[in-house]
Structure formats: structure tokens, C-alpha cells
Amino acid sequence: MTTEQSPDTAETAQDPPSGRLSTLDRFLPVWIGVAMLAGILLGRGFPDLNDQLDRVKIDTVSLPIAIGLLAMMYPVLAKVKYRSIHESIDRRSLTMSLLLNWVVGPAVMFALAWLMLPDLPEYRTGLIIVGLARCIAMVLIWNDLACGSSELAAVLVAINSLFQIVAYSLLGYFYLELLPGWLGLDSDGIDVTIWEIAKSVLIFLGIPLLAGFLTRTFGERAKGTEWYEQRFLPRIGPVALYGLLFTIVILFALQGERITDQPWDVARIALPLLAYFAIMWFGSFFVGIRLGFPYERNASIAFTAAGNNFELAIAVSIGVFGVASGQALAGVVGPLIEVPVLVGLVYVALWARRRYASL
């Protein structure tokens, strides 16, 4: 089997995995750990922080978290070469991504939740809600760090967003009501409207997507492509990771007390999440190799398949079951596990990139 390889991959195949990463990128796991610890300490030091942050919201998300999410996405979307997006799309990539995200992913999470948390219905429901929320934000950061195709990732994110608007409530009803009933299992319902999901997608994807498109369009028109690529993008690039770290601090400040007070519950929730990320990423990546996808495309598909929209999952869990519910705790544990695991998978992907032609 001959694996197609892009010129960029061929030229850099012998580079060390960390060769193209900045100091911030290279030590990202360390910064994430520091951000988690800082968030927990902040939450402990200010017990009423949740009430303070909830005073100002964008949609159902507190303003600081909203700012962090928008900061995460804008620089990555500003890197996309929108005029050449059509060159990065093919039917096989789209078909594989849709199957992984909307058929395989929710089914895998449902199976893992019931197999590993049969005695914890609230956490089980929370994990299923996480599995239904396909990634539309942080995947762009992981894809960018792993040198995947930014154009393909942007298109897959846009498609996931559209599917999320239409399919989230329907899949929630299927996996939380219909399927458990057919299998003779207990079920918990979910009541979230299509408009509630649409608002979240329009705000947290639509705004940075429009900003990124306008920035590239007018930046290239005013200063030229070389200035935009070589001078402007390197300046705004770190903002995405600063936004990620800021968001992690706030999330753990809000939920850190529950995490530290219930470590065994967190461990129980973490096990199916770890299994899920491993199954989805490695399964997708190796299928892509067998199908002959070039590295950049394969990495984008794998990270899109493995990632989840924890912002939406947390918002839905809190809105439907309450901020103190087990479902909400499962939603918060999601990024606690997902962020370091997917950072680790970035390094796995970069290692594989060096050896891609021989895999």
C-alpha cells in the first residue's frame, strides 16, 4: 500500500517532532497543568466566583469563558486560506469524517458509558451528552499544532456545526430515550432546542470565523500575502493558546472544588473518556493510512473525530440538569481529560509524520 504524501510532508519528514513548535507549544502540557492548578486554587480562594462570573453572560456562557473561547478560535481561523479551501476537500475525506463524527463517535461513547458506568446514571448521561457534542473549536488548535490541513479542518468544523444544529437534539433523544428503551435499560431524557444549539454555534464559531475571513481578506489586500503569512500570523498565533489556557483556568475555578472533593468519581468518569479518545483517534488515523490519505488530511480527520465540543456539553448539562448535577460534573471532567490527552496525541501525530511514508 502506497501512502500519498504532500510536498510539505516530504520536505519535513526528517525534522524532529518538536522542531517546528515554539517554546509555548512545546511545553503546552506543562502550561495546561499549571492552568488547571491555578484554576482550582482560584476557585478555592474565591468560593463565590461562580456567582460573580454568572452576572454577565454571552448566551448561556459567562463572559470570561466566552472571551477565552473566541480568543482560542480567531487566530486559527485567520490562518485558513479561504480561497483554496476547495482544493482541500474530497468526497472520501468528507464521508469518513461524517461517519466517524455522527455514527461511530456517539455509538462508541454510549457503549463505553454503559459498560463502565452501569451504576452511575448521572455520570453516564453526562458522558453520552459529551459524546454527542462533536468538536467545533479546540480541534482547530490541535490540528494546527499537529501540522494538519487547516483548510480541511475549517470545512469539517463548519460541517460539524451545521450537523450539530440539526442533529444534536435528535441524537440526544435517540441515545438517551429510544435506544436504552429498546435495550431494556433505564433512560434519562434531554430537553434542548435546536435554537439553543444554533445560538451557541453562531456565537462561538460564527463570530471568529467571520473575523478570521475578514482579517485575511483585507490583510492580504492591504499588505500582501507575504506580509500576512510571515509577519501578521506569527504575531497573533499565540493568542489561541493564551485563550485556551485562560479558558482552562476559569473552568477549573468554577468546578475545581467538586473535582478535588470527589476524586474517585472523577477517576470513574475519566476511564471511559480515555478509552474513547484512544479508540477514536487511533482508529481514525489507521483507517486513513489504509485508505491512502496524505498526513495533513489524515491528521485533520483524526483530531476532528476524537475531539468533543465540551463547551456545548457543559452548557447543555447545566441547562437541563443543573450546575450541581452529576451530568454537569461529567461535562467538566471532559476537558480535564481531553486537553492533556489530545496534547499528547499531537506529539504522537508529529512522530508519525516523520515516518508516514513507511506506515
Protein backbone atom coordinates (compact mmCIF):
# COMPACT_ATOMS: atom_id res chain seq x y z
CA MET A 1 0.00 0.00 0.00
CA THR A 2 1.46 3.34 -1.07
CA THR A 3 0.53 6.30 1.07
CA GLU A 4 0.16 9.63 -0.72
CA GLN A 5 2.44 12.27 0.71
CA SER A 6 2.29 16.03 0.21
CA PRO A 7 5.41 18.02 -0.66
CA ASP A 8 5.34 19.74 2.73
CA THR A 9 5.32 16.39 4.48
CA ALA A 10 8.13 15.05 2.33
CA GLU A 11 10.32 18.08 2.94
CA THR A 12 9.98 17.97 6.71
CA ALA A 13 9.66 14.24 7.27
CA GLN A 14 13.06 14.07 8.91
CA ASP A 15 12.58 17.06 11.20
CA PRO A 16 12.32 16.30 14.92
CA PRO A 17 8.72 16.30 16.16
CA SER A 18 9.23 19.46 18.19
CA GLY A 19 11.31 21.20 15.57
CA ARG A 20 8.56 23.49 14.36
CA LEU A 21 6.98 24.15 17.74
CA SER A 22 7.59 27.29 19.73
CA THR A 23 8.51 27.19 23.42
CA LEU A 24 4.85 27.82 24.27
CA ASP A 25 3.73 24.91 22.07
CA ARG A 26 6.50 22.55 23.13
CA PHE A 27 5.71 22.85 26.83
CA LEU A 28 1.95 23.09 26.41
CA PRO A 29 1.25 20.10 28.70
CA VAL A 30 3.15 21.91 31.47
CA TRP A 31 1.23 25.16 30.95
CA ILE A 32 -2.06 23.24 30.90
CA GLY A 33 -1.19 21.56 34.19
CA VAL A 34 -0.31 24.94 35.69
CA ALA A 35 -3.59 26.40 34.37
CA MET A 36 -5.60 23.56 35.92
CA LEU A 37 -3.87 24.02 39.28
CA ALA A 38 -4.27 27.80 39.13
CA GLY A 39 -7.97 27.39 38.39
CA ILE A 40 -8.51 25.05 41.32
CA LEU A 41 -6.65 27.40 43.67
CA LEU A 42 -8.60 30.38 42.34
CA GLY A 43 -11.89 28.58 42.93
CA ARG A 44 -10.84 27.63 46.44
CA GLY A 45 -9.76 31.19 47.22
CA PHE A 46 -12.97 32.76 45.90
CA PRO A 47 -15.93 30.46 46.71
CA ASP A 48 -18.46 32.92 45.23
CA LEU A 49 -16.61 33.17 41.90
CA ASN A 50 -19.34 31.25 40.07
CA ASP A 51 -21.97 33.80 41.09
CA GLN A 52 -19.68 36.68 40.14
CA LEU A 53 -18.94 35.30 36.68
CA ASP A 54 -22.59 34.44 36.01
CA ARG A 55 -23.61 38.09 36.32
CA VAL A 56 -22.55 38.78 32.74
CA LYS A 57 -23.16 36.16 30.06
CA ILE A 58 -22.99 35.69 26.33
CA ASP A 59 -25.89 33.37 25.57
CA THR A 60 -25.63 30.81 28.42
CA VAL A 61 -21.85 31.12 28.86
CA SER A 62 -20.23 33.52 31.32
CA LEU A 63 -18.38 36.43 29.70
CA PRO A 64 -14.82 35.37 30.71
CA ILE A 65 -15.32 31.86 29.27
CA ALA A 66 -16.85 33.35 26.12
CA ILE A 67 -13.84 35.65 25.68
CA GLY A 68 -11.49 32.70 26.11
CA LEU A 69 -13.38 30.60 23.55
CA LEU A 70 -13.39 33.40 20.97
CA ALA A 71 -9.69 34.08 21.56
CA MET A 72 -8.94 30.38 21.03
CA MET A 73 -10.61 30.22 17.66
CA TYR A 74 -9.89 33.54 15.94
CA PRO A 75 -6.12 33.18 15.25
CA VAL A 76 -6.56 29.63 13.93
CA LEU A 77 -9.39 30.67 11.60
CA ALA A 78 -7.35 33.68 10.45
CA LYS A 79 -4.72 31.20 9.17
CA VAL A 80 -7.12 29.43 6.83
CA LYS A 81 -6.50 30.05 3.12
CA TYR A 82 -10.15 30.52 2.24
CA ARG A 83 -9.57 30.96 -1.48
CA SER A 84 -8.04 27.48 -1.76
CA ILE A 85 -10.44 25.61 0.54
CA HIS A 86 -12.00 23.73 -2.37
CA GLU A 87 -8.60 22.17 -3.14
CA SER A 88 -8.52 20.53 0.31
CA ILE A 89 -11.88 18.79 0.01
CA ASP A 90 -12.64 15.40 -1.44
CA ARG A 91 -15.59 13.07 -1.14
CA ARG A 92 -13.73 10.32 0.73
CA SER A 93 -12.48 12.69 3.45
CA LEU A 94 -15.93 14.17 3.99
CA THR A 95 -17.64 10.78 4.03
CA MET A 96 -15.15 9.34 6.51
CA SER A 97 -15.36 12.36 8.79
CA LEU A 98 -19.16 12.35 8.81
CA LEU A 99 -19.30 8.64 9.61
CA LEU A 100 -16.75 8.97 12.42
CA ASN A 101 -18.37 12.03 13.97
CA TRP A 102 -22.05 11.27 13.69
CA VAL A 103 -22.28 7.48 13.59
CA VAL A 104 -19.19 5.95 15.21
CA GLY A 105 -18.36 8.59 17.87
CA PRO A 106 -21.75 8.78 19.64
CA ALA A 107 -22.14 4.98 19.47
CA VAL A 108 -18.68 4.39 20.98
CA MET A 109 -19.33 6.82 23.83
CA PHE A 110 -22.76 5.29 24.51
CA ALA A 111 -21.27 1.80 24.68
CA LEU A 112 -18.36 2.85 26.92
CA ALA A 113 -20.63 4.83 29.26
CA TRP A 114 -22.97 1.89 29.80
CA LEU A 115 -20.18 -0.68 30.06
CA MET A 116 -18.01 1.27 32.51
CA LEU A 117 -20.61 3.29 34.47
CA PRO A 118 -23.61 0.95 34.78
CA ASP A 119 -24.19 2.01 38.40
CA LEU A 120 -23.79 5.79 37.92
CA PRO A 121 -26.67 7.04 35.75
CA GLU A 122 -25.94 10.77 36.14
CA TYR A 123 -22.31 10.47 35.06
CA ARG A 124 -23.28 8.04 32.32
CA THR A 125 -25.80 10.52 30.91
CA GLY A 126 -23.23 13.32 31.13
CA LEU A 127 -20.71 11.29 29.11
CA ILE A 128 -23.29 10.50 26.45
CA ILE A 129 -24.03 14.22 26.18
CA VAL A 130 -20.28 14.84 25.72
CA GLY A 131 -20.13 12.16 23.02
CA LEU A 132 -22.95 13.79 21.09
CA ALA A 133 -21.24 17.22 21.09
CA ARG A 134 -18.84 16.99 18.17
CA CYS A 135 -15.79 19.24 18.24
CA ILE A 136 -16.12 22.67 16.61
CA ALA A 137 -13.48 24.71 18.45
CA MET A 138 -10.39 23.27 20.10
CA VAL A 139 -9.84 20.77 17.28
CA LEU A 140 -8.51 23.69 15.25
CA ILE A 141 -5.74 24.20 17.81
CA TRP A 142 -4.78 20.51 17.96
CA ASN A 143 -4.86 20.29 14.17
CA ASP A 144 -2.71 23.39 13.86
CA LEU A 145 -0.12 22.11 16.36
CA ALA A 146 -0.01 18.74 14.57
CA CYS A 147 0.53 20.44 11.17
CA GLY A 148 -2.73 19.12 9.76
CA SER A 149 -4.63 20.73 6.91
CA SER A 150 -6.11 23.98 8.24
CA GLU A 151 -8.40 24.29 5.22
CA LEU A 152 -9.84 20.79 5.62
CA ALA A 153 -10.17 21.24 9.40
CA ALA A 154 -12.10 24.51 8.87
CA VAL A 155 -14.51 22.79 6.47
CA LEU A 156 -15.01 19.80 8.80
CA VAL A 157 -15.66 22.18 11.70
CA ALA A 158 -18.22 24.07 9.63
CA ILE A 159 -19.95 20.83 8.62
CA ASN A 160 -19.95 19.58 12.21
CA SER A 161 -21.52 22.88 13.25
CA LEU A 162 -24.35 22.51 10.76
CA PHE A 163 -24.94 18.89 11.73
CA GLN A 164 -24.85 19.86 15.39
CA ILE A 165 -27.65 22.37 14.91
CA VAL A 166 -29.84 19.80 13.21
CA ALA A 167 -28.80 16.52 14.80
CA TYR A 168 -27.90 17.18 18.44
CA SER A 169 -31.42 17.12 19.86
CA LEU A 170 -32.40 14.18 17.66
CA LEU A 171 -29.35 12.14 18.66
CA GLY A 172 -29.89 13.09 22.29
CA TYR A 173 -33.42 11.72 22.14
CA PHE A 174 -32.21 8.58 20.38
CA TYR A 175 -29.30 7.75 22.74
CA LEU A 176 -30.94 8.87 25.99
CA GLU A 177 -34.52 7.76 25.37
CA LEU A 178 -35.11 5.41 22.43
CA LEU A 179 -32.04 3.18 22.36
CA PRO A 180 -31.92 2.46 26.13
CA GLY A 181 -35.63 1.64 25.98
CA TRP A 182 -35.11 -0.76 23.08
CA LEU A 183 -32.28 -2.43 25.02
CA GLY A 184 -34.29 -2.60 28.24
CA LEU A 185 -32.06 -0.06 30.01
CA ASP A 186 -33.00 2.87 32.24
CA SER A 187 -33.05 6.20 30.41
CA ASP A 188 -32.70 9.89 31.17
CA GLY A 189 -34.21 12.44 28.82
CA ILE A 190 -32.70 15.60 27.41
CA ASP A 191 -34.64 18.72 26.54
CA VAL A 192 -32.62 21.17 24.47
CA THR A 193 -33.99 23.07 21.49
CA ILE A 194 -32.39 23.39 18.08
CA TRP A 195 -32.31 27.18 18.52
CA GLU A 196 -30.34 26.91 21.78
CA ILE A 197 -27.67 24.90 20.00
CA ALA A 198 -27.79 27.17 16.95
CA LYS A 199 -27.13 30.25 19.09
CA SER A 200 -24.07 28.65 20.65
CA VAL A 201 -22.69 27.64 17.26
CA LEU A 202 -23.37 31.03 15.67
CA ILE A 203 -21.68 32.89 18.53
CA PHE A 204 -18.67 30.71 19.25
CA LEU A 205 -17.97 29.61 15.67
CA GLY A 206 -19.67 32.24 13.53
CA ILE A 207 -18.04 35.31 15.09
CA PRO A 208 -14.40 34.10 14.95
CA LEU A 209 -14.97 32.55 11.52
CA LEU A 210 -16.21 35.86 10.12
CA ALA A 211 -13.41 37.73 11.87
CA GLY A 212 -10.79 35.32 10.51
CA PHE A 213 -12.15 35.55 6.97
CA LEU A 214 -12.30 39.35 7.01
CA THR A 215 -8.83 39.61 8.56
CA ARG A 216 -7.25 37.51 5.82
CA THR A 217 -9.23 39.16 3.02
CA PHE A 218 -8.44 42.74 3.99
CA GLY A 219 -4.98 41.97 5.36
CA GLU A 220 -3.81 40.40 2.11
CA ARG A 221 -5.47 43.15 0.11
CA ALA A 222 -3.77 45.90 2.09
CA LYS A 223 -0.32 44.40 2.76
CA GLY A 224 0.01 41.35 0.54
CA THR A 225 0.10 37.62 1.19
CA GLU A 226 3.78 37.51 2.19
CA TRP A 227 3.33 40.15 4.92
CA TYR A 228 0.16 38.45 6.14
CA GLU A 229 1.74 34.96 6.31
CA GLN A 230 5.21 35.91 7.52
CA ARG A 231 4.59 38.85 9.84
CA PHE A 232 0.95 39.14 10.91
CA LEU A 233 0.06 35.50 11.59
CA PRO A 234 3.09 34.82 13.83
CA ARG A 235 2.08 37.81 15.96
CA ILE A 236 -1.49 36.66 16.59
CA GLY A 237 -0.77 32.90 16.68
CA PRO A 238 -0.02 32.66 20.43
CA VAL A 239 -3.37 34.28 21.24
CA ALA A 240 -5.12 30.95 20.54
CA LEU A 241 -3.11 29.13 23.19
CA TYR A 242 -3.44 32.02 25.64
CA GLY A 243 -7.20 31.78 25.15
CA LEU A 244 -7.06 28.02 25.74
CA LEU A 245 -5.10 28.41 28.98
CA PHE A 246 -7.36 31.23 30.19
CA THR A 247 -10.47 29.12 29.50
CA ILE A 248 -8.99 26.18 31.41
CA VAL A 249 -8.25 28.41 34.42
CA ILE A 250 -11.84 29.68 34.51
CA LEU A 251 -13.43 26.24 34.03
CA PHE A 252 -11.39 24.70 36.81
CA ALA A 253 -12.00 27.68 39.06
CA LEU A 254 -15.73 27.06 38.70
CA GLN A 255 -15.67 23.28 39.14
CA GLY A 256 -12.36 22.63 40.93
CA GLU A 257 -13.97 22.12 44.35
CA ARG A 258 -16.15 19.31 43.09
CA ILE A 259 -13.19 17.75 41.31
CA THR A 260 -10.99 17.77 44.42
CA ASP A 261 -13.82 16.69 46.73
CA GLN A 262 -14.83 13.70 44.56
CA PRO A 263 -11.57 12.26 43.18
CA TRP A 264 -12.90 8.70 42.87
CA ASP A 265 -15.89 9.87 40.86
CA VAL A 266 -13.54 11.84 38.61
CA ALA A 267 -11.44 8.70 38.10
CA ARG A 268 -14.54 6.67 37.20
CA ILE A 269 -15.58 9.29 34.63
CA ALA A 270 -12.04 9.53 33.27
CA LEU A 271 -11.71 5.84 32.34
CA PRO A 272 -14.36 5.74 29.57
CA LEU A 273 -13.11 9.12 28.32
CA LEU A 274 -9.56 7.80 27.98
CA ALA A 275 -10.82 4.74 26.15
CA TYR A 276 -12.96 6.90 23.89
CA PHE A 277 -10.16 9.24 22.81
CA ALA A 278 -7.81 6.34 22.14
CA ILE A 279 -10.37 4.38 20.10
CA MET A 280 -11.47 7.37 18.03
CA TRP A 281 -8.05 8.88 17.29
CA PHE A 282 -6.02 5.74 16.63
CA GLY A 283 -8.89 4.03 14.84
CA SER A 284 -9.41 7.02 12.56
CA PHE A 285 -5.69 7.55 11.92
CA PHE A 286 -5.01 3.95 10.95
CA VAL A 287 -8.09 3.75 8.73
CA GLY A 288 -6.85 6.90 7.00
CA ILE A 289 -3.47 5.27 6.43
CA ARG A 290 -5.15 2.23 4.90
CA LEU A 291 -7.18 4.50 2.63
CA GLY A 292 -4.01 6.27 1.47
CA PHE A 293 -4.81 9.73 2.85
CA PRO A 294 -1.85 12.15 3.00
CA TYR A 295 -0.67 13.02 6.50
CA GLU A 296 -2.17 16.54 6.67
CA ARG A 297 -5.63 15.30 5.71
CA ASN A 298 -5.45 12.24 7.93
CA ALA A 299 -4.42 14.27 10.98
CA SER A 300 -7.31 16.69 10.49
CA ILE A 301 -9.83 13.85 10.26
CA ALA A 302 -8.39 12.03 13.30
CA PHE A 303 -8.41 15.07 15.58
CA THR A 304 -11.89 16.07 14.41
CA ALA A 305 -13.14 12.56 15.18
CA ALA A 306 -11.53 12.38 18.62
CA GLY A 307 -12.37 15.87 19.90
CA ASN A 308 -15.61 16.95 21.53
CA ASN A 309 -17.36 20.28 21.98
CA PHE A 310 -17.14 20.32 25.78
CA GLU A 311 -18.45 23.91 25.87
CA LEU A 312 -21.76 22.78 24.40
CA ALA A 313 -21.84 19.62 26.51
CA ILE A 314 -21.31 21.63 29.71
CA ALA A 315 -23.91 24.21 28.70
CA VAL A 316 -26.48 21.51 27.91
CA SER A 317 -25.74 19.55 31.11
CA ILE A 318 -26.06 22.66 33.29
CA GLY A 319 -29.13 23.94 31.44
CA VAL A 320 -31.01 20.64 31.58
CA PHE A 321 -29.84 19.05 34.84
CA GLY A 322 -28.41 21.96 36.88
CA VAL A 323 -24.96 23.25 37.79
CA ALA A 324 -24.64 20.86 40.76
CA SER A 325 -25.69 17.75 38.83
CA GLY A 326 -23.59 14.69 38.13
CA GLN A 327 -24.16 15.33 34.43
CA ALA A 328 -22.51 18.74 34.77
CA LEU A 329 -19.56 17.21 36.63
CA ALA A 330 -19.08 14.69 33.82
CA GLY A 331 -19.10 17.58 31.35
CA VAL A 332 -16.38 19.41 33.29
CA VAL A 333 -14.24 16.28 33.63
CA GLY A 334 -14.40 16.06 29.82
CA PRO A 335 -11.85 18.85 29.15
CA LEU A 336 -9.86 17.77 32.22
CA ILE A 337 -9.11 14.54 30.35
CA GLU A 338 -9.45 15.69 26.75
CA VAL A 339 -6.97 18.56 26.83
CA PRO A 340 -3.88 16.69 28.09
CA VAL A 341 -4.74 13.56 26.11
CA LEU A 342 -5.11 15.41 22.81
CA VAL A 343 -1.95 17.40 23.52
CA GLY A 344 -0.23 14.05 23.89
CA LEU A 345 -1.78 12.89 20.62
CA VAL A 346 -0.34 15.97 18.92
CA TYR A 347 3.11 14.62 19.75
CA VAL A 348 2.09 11.16 18.56
CA ALA A 349 0.91 12.69 15.29
CA LEU A 350 4.14 14.63 14.81
CA TRP A 351 6.13 11.46 15.48
CA ALA A 352 4.01 9.61 12.90
CA ARG A 353 4.52 12.47 10.46
CA ARG A 354 8.25 11.74 10.32
CA ARG A 355 7.58 8.10 9.46
CA TYR A 356 4.37 8.49 7.50
CA ALA A 357 5.61 7.13 4.19
CA SER A 358 6.63 3.86 5.83
CA LEU A 359 3.48 3.33 7.94
